[in-house]
């Protein structure tokens, strides 16, 4: 029997193999919307010189970003008091 120890290939857990968000492939979804909403979206996309899909993705992404007010309020709530009041 061979007494040499050989190392097994290292197995990575799923958490170590997760890719950074910038390297993940985009996902595709299908939505149903009222005709008037579609027409407004289509008109805006044409006016901005972008595709309907690009505009829809932009609007969805921007709606998920915290607003300046929310960010400011959250940072004020998390900030410890750094001075005493007399």
N, C-alpha and C. Protein backbone atom coordinates (compact mmCIF):
# COMPACT_ATOMS: atom_id res chain seq x y z
N UNK A 1 0.84 -1.18 0.00
CA UNK A 1 0.00 0.00 0.00
C UNK A 1 0.88 1.23 0.00
N UNK A 2 0.52 2.21 -0.74
CA UNK A 2 1.29 3.44 -0.85
C UNK A 2 1.01 4.32 0.37
N UNK A 3 2.06 4.72 1.09
CA UNK A 3 1.88 5.53 2.30
C UNK A 3 1.89 7.02 2.02
N UNK A 4 2.14 7.41 0.79
CA UNK A 4 2.12 8.84 0.47
C UNK A 4 0.71 9.39 0.58
N UNK A 5 0.61 10.55 1.16
CA UNK A 5 -0.69 11.19 1.29
C UNK A 5 -0.89 12.14 0.12
N UNK A 6 -1.97 12.00 -0.53
CA UNK A 6 -2.28 12.94 -1.62
C UNK A 6 -3.52 13.72 -1.23
N UNK A 7 -3.51 14.96 -1.63
CA UNK A 7 -4.64 15.81 -1.24
C UNK A 7 -5.76 15.67 -2.26
N UNK A 8 -6.95 15.65 -1.73
CA UNK A 8 -8.14 15.61 -2.57
C UNK A 8 -8.37 17.00 -3.15
N UNK A 9 -8.96 17.08 -4.32
CA UNK A 9 -9.27 18.42 -4.85
C UNK A 9 -10.18 19.15 -3.88
N UNK A 10 -9.93 20.41 -3.73
CA UNK A 10 -10.72 21.21 -2.79
C UNK A 10 -12.12 21.45 -3.34
N UNK A 11 -13.09 21.18 -2.54
CA UNK A 11 -14.48 21.39 -2.93
C UNK A 11 -14.93 22.70 -2.32
N UNK A 12 -15.44 23.57 -3.14
CA UNK A 12 -15.90 24.88 -2.68
C UNK A 12 -17.39 24.80 -2.39
N UNK A 13 -17.79 25.47 -1.35
CA UNK A 13 -19.22 25.54 -1.06
C UNK A 13 -19.87 26.49 -2.05
N UNK A 14 -21.19 26.44 -2.12
CA UNK A 14 -21.90 27.33 -3.03
C UNK A 14 -21.65 28.79 -2.72
N UNK A 15 -21.50 29.11 -1.43
CA UNK A 15 -21.30 30.52 -1.07
C UNK A 15 -19.96 31.05 -1.58
N UNK A 16 -18.94 30.20 -1.67
CA UNK A 16 -17.65 30.68 -2.18
C UNK A 16 -17.64 30.75 -3.70
N UNK A 17 -18.58 30.05 -4.35
CA UNK A 17 -18.61 30.06 -5.80
C UNK A 17 -19.54 31.12 -6.38
N UNK A 18 -20.30 31.78 -5.51
CA UNK A 18 -21.20 32.81 -6.00
C UNK A 18 -20.41 33.92 -6.68
N UNK A 19 -20.90 34.34 -7.80
CA UNK A 19 -20.23 35.39 -8.55
C UNK A 19 -20.68 36.75 -8.07
N UNK A 20 -19.82 37.72 -8.27
CA UNK A 20 -20.20 39.09 -7.95
C UNK A 20 -21.34 39.49 -8.88
N UNK A 21 -22.24 40.36 -8.40
CA UNK A 21 -23.39 40.74 -9.23
C UNK A 21 -23.02 41.25 -10.61
N UNK A 22 -21.90 41.93 -10.76
CA UNK A 22 -21.51 42.48 -12.06
C UNK A 22 -21.24 41.38 -13.08
N UNK A 23 -20.94 40.16 -12.62
CA UNK A 23 -20.60 39.09 -13.53
C UNK A 23 -21.75 38.11 -13.76
N UNK A 24 -22.86 38.33 -13.12
CA UNK A 24 -24.00 37.47 -13.35
C UNK A 24 -24.69 37.85 -14.64
N UNK A 25 -25.24 36.88 -15.31
CA UNK A 25 -25.93 37.19 -16.55
C UNK A 25 -27.30 37.79 -16.23
N UNK A 26 -27.76 38.71 -17.07
CA UNK A 26 -29.06 39.33 -16.82
C UNK A 26 -30.18 38.30 -16.94
N UNK A 27 -31.26 38.55 -16.26
CA UNK A 27 -32.43 37.67 -16.30
C UNK A 27 -33.52 38.29 -17.14
N UNK A 28 -34.37 37.47 -17.69
CA UNK A 28 -35.45 37.93 -18.55
C UNK A 28 -36.78 37.65 -17.87
N UNK A 29 -37.68 38.61 -17.92
CA UNK A 29 -39.02 38.45 -17.36
C UNK A 29 -40.05 38.91 -18.39
N UNK A 30 -41.25 38.44 -18.22
CA UNK A 30 -42.36 38.87 -19.06
C UNK A 30 -43.41 39.48 -18.13
N UNK A 31 -43.92 40.64 -18.51
CA UNK A 31 -44.96 41.28 -17.69
C UNK A 31 -46.16 41.62 -18.55
N UNK A 32 -47.27 41.79 -17.90
CA UNK A 32 -48.50 42.22 -18.57
C UNK A 32 -48.88 43.57 -17.98
N UNK A 33 -49.18 44.52 -18.85
CA UNK A 33 -49.53 45.87 -18.39
C UNK A 33 -50.69 46.40 -19.23
N UNK A 34 -51.36 47.39 -18.69
CA UNK A 34 -52.45 48.01 -19.47
C UNK A 34 -51.92 48.63 -20.75
N UNK A 35 -52.76 48.68 -21.77
CA UNK A 35 -52.37 49.23 -23.06
C UNK A 35 -51.88 50.67 -22.94
N UNK A 36 -52.55 51.48 -22.13
CA UNK A 36 -52.16 52.88 -21.97
C UNK A 36 -50.75 52.99 -21.37
N UNK A 37 -50.44 52.14 -20.42
CA UNK A 37 -49.11 52.14 -19.82
C UNK A 37 -48.06 51.75 -20.85
N UNK A 38 -48.37 50.72 -21.64
CA UNK A 38 -47.45 50.29 -22.69
C UNK A 38 -47.18 51.43 -23.68
N UNK A 39 -48.24 52.11 -24.08
CA UNK A 39 -48.08 53.20 -25.04
C UNK A 39 -47.23 54.34 -24.47
N UNK A 40 -47.44 54.66 -23.18
CA UNK A 40 -46.63 55.70 -22.53
C UNK A 40 -45.15 55.27 -22.46
N UNK A 41 -44.94 54.02 -22.11
CA UNK A 41 -43.58 53.50 -22.01
C UNK A 41 -42.90 53.50 -23.38
N UNK A 42 -43.62 53.05 -24.39
CA UNK A 42 -43.09 53.02 -25.76
C UNK A 42 -42.76 54.43 -26.24
N UNK A 43 -43.65 55.37 -25.97
CA UNK A 43 -43.43 56.75 -26.39
C UNK A 43 -42.20 57.34 -25.70
N UNK A 44 -42.08 57.09 -24.41
CA UNK A 44 -40.92 57.60 -23.66
C UNK A 44 -39.62 56.97 -24.17
N UNK A 45 -39.65 55.67 -24.42
CA UNK A 45 -38.45 54.98 -24.93
C UNK A 45 -38.01 55.58 -26.26
N UNK A 46 -38.95 55.79 -27.15
CA UNK A 46 -38.63 56.40 -28.45
C UNK A 46 -38.08 57.81 -28.26
N UNK A 47 -38.69 58.58 -27.36
CA UNK A 47 -38.24 59.95 -27.10
C UNK A 47 -36.83 60.00 -26.52
N UNK A 48 -36.47 58.98 -25.74
CA UNK A 48 -35.13 58.94 -25.14
C UNK A 48 -34.13 58.17 -26.00
N UNK A 49 -34.60 57.66 -27.13
CA UNK A 49 -33.69 56.94 -28.04
C UNK A 49 -33.18 55.63 -27.47
N UNK A 50 -34.01 54.94 -26.74
CA UNK A 50 -33.61 53.65 -26.17
C UNK A 50 -34.69 52.63 -26.42
N UNK A 51 -34.35 51.38 -26.22
CA UNK A 51 -35.34 50.32 -26.43
C UNK A 51 -36.33 50.30 -25.27
N UNK A 52 -37.47 49.72 -25.55
CA UNK A 52 -38.50 49.56 -24.53
C UNK A 52 -37.95 48.72 -23.37
N UNK A 53 -37.24 47.67 -23.70
CA UNK A 53 -36.66 46.80 -22.68
C UNK A 53 -35.65 47.54 -21.81
N UNK A 54 -34.81 48.35 -22.44
CA UNK A 54 -33.80 49.10 -21.69
C UNK A 54 -34.45 50.11 -20.75
N UNK A 55 -35.46 50.80 -21.23
CA UNK A 55 -36.16 51.78 -20.39
C UNK A 55 -36.86 51.09 -19.23
N UNK A 56 -37.53 49.98 -19.50
CA UNK A 56 -38.24 49.25 -18.44
C UNK A 56 -37.24 48.78 -17.37
N UNK A 57 -36.11 48.24 -17.78
CA UNK A 57 -35.10 47.78 -16.82
C UNK A 57 -34.56 48.96 -16.01
N UNK A 58 -34.31 50.09 -16.67
CA UNK A 58 -33.83 51.28 -15.97
C UNK A 58 -34.83 51.76 -14.93
N UNK A 59 -36.10 51.83 -15.32
CA UNK A 59 -37.13 52.29 -14.39
C UNK A 59 -37.29 51.35 -13.20
N UNK A 60 -37.24 50.06 -13.44
CA UNK A 60 -37.34 49.10 -12.35
C UNK A 60 -36.13 49.21 -11.41
N UNK A 61 -34.94 49.28 -11.97
CA UNK A 61 -33.72 49.39 -11.15
C UNK A 61 -33.75 50.67 -10.32
N UNK A 62 -34.11 51.78 -10.95
CA UNK A 62 -34.09 53.05 -10.23
C UNK A 62 -35.17 53.09 -9.15
N UNK A 63 -36.26 52.37 -9.34
CA UNK A 63 -37.30 52.35 -8.32
C UNK A 63 -36.88 51.55 -7.09
N UNK A 64 -35.90 50.69 -7.24
CA UNK A 64 -35.41 49.87 -6.12
C UNK A 64 -34.28 50.55 -5.34
N UNK A 65 -33.73 51.62 -5.87
CA UNK A 65 -32.66 52.35 -5.19
C UNK A 65 -33.28 53.23 -4.11
N UNK A 66 -32.65 53.27 -2.94
CA UNK A 66 -33.19 54.15 -1.89
C UNK A 66 -33.09 55.61 -2.32
N UNK A 67 -34.12 56.37 -1.98
CA UNK A 67 -34.10 57.78 -2.33
C UNK A 67 -33.13 58.52 -1.41
N UNK A 68 -32.79 59.74 -1.75
CA UNK A 68 -31.88 60.55 -0.95
C UNK A 68 -32.47 60.75 0.44
N UNK A 69 -33.78 60.99 0.53
CA UNK A 69 -34.44 61.18 1.82
C UNK A 69 -34.30 59.93 2.68
N UNK A 70 -34.57 58.75 2.10
CA UNK A 70 -34.49 57.49 2.85
C UNK A 70 -33.07 57.25 3.34
N UNK A 71 -32.08 57.51 2.49
CA UNK A 71 -30.69 57.29 2.85
C UNK A 71 -30.28 58.22 3.97
N UNK A 72 -30.67 59.49 3.89
CA UNK A 72 -30.33 60.46 4.93
C UNK A 72 -30.99 60.09 6.26
N UNK A 73 -32.25 59.72 6.21
CA UNK A 73 -32.97 59.36 7.43
C UNK A 73 -32.35 58.12 8.07
N UNK A 74 -31.97 57.15 7.27
CA UNK A 74 -31.37 55.93 7.80
C UNK A 74 -30.02 56.22 8.44
N UNK A 75 -29.22 57.07 7.82
CA UNK A 75 -27.90 57.36 8.38
C UNK A 75 -28.01 58.17 9.66
N UNK A 76 -29.03 59.03 9.76
CA UNK A 76 -29.24 59.80 10.99
C UNK A 76 -29.65 58.86 12.13
N UNK A 77 -30.53 57.91 11.83
CA UNK A 77 -30.98 56.97 12.85
C UNK A 77 -29.87 56.06 13.33
N UNK A 78 -28.92 55.70 12.46
CA UNK A 78 -27.86 54.79 12.82
C UNK A 78 -26.67 55.48 13.46
N UNK A 79 -26.57 56.79 13.33
CA UNK A 79 -25.43 57.53 13.83
C UNK A 79 -25.54 57.71 15.34
N UNK A 80 -24.52 57.32 16.11
CA UNK A 80 -24.58 57.51 17.56
C UNK A 80 -24.41 58.98 17.91
N UNK A 81 -24.92 59.36 19.07
CA UNK A 81 -24.75 60.73 19.52
C UNK A 81 -23.27 60.95 19.86
N UNK A 82 -22.69 61.99 19.32
CA UNK A 82 -21.27 62.23 19.55
C UNK A 82 -21.03 63.41 20.47
N UNK A 83 -22.09 63.95 21.04
CA UNK A 83 -21.90 65.06 21.98
C UNK A 83 -23.02 65.00 23.02
N UNK A 84 -22.74 65.52 24.18
CA UNK A 84 -23.78 65.54 25.20
C UNK A 84 -24.46 66.90 25.18
N UNK A 85 -25.72 66.88 25.57
CA UNK A 85 -26.50 68.11 25.58
C UNK A 85 -26.58 68.64 27.00
N UNK A 86 -26.49 69.94 27.16
CA UNK A 86 -26.54 70.56 28.49
C UNK A 86 -27.85 71.23 28.72
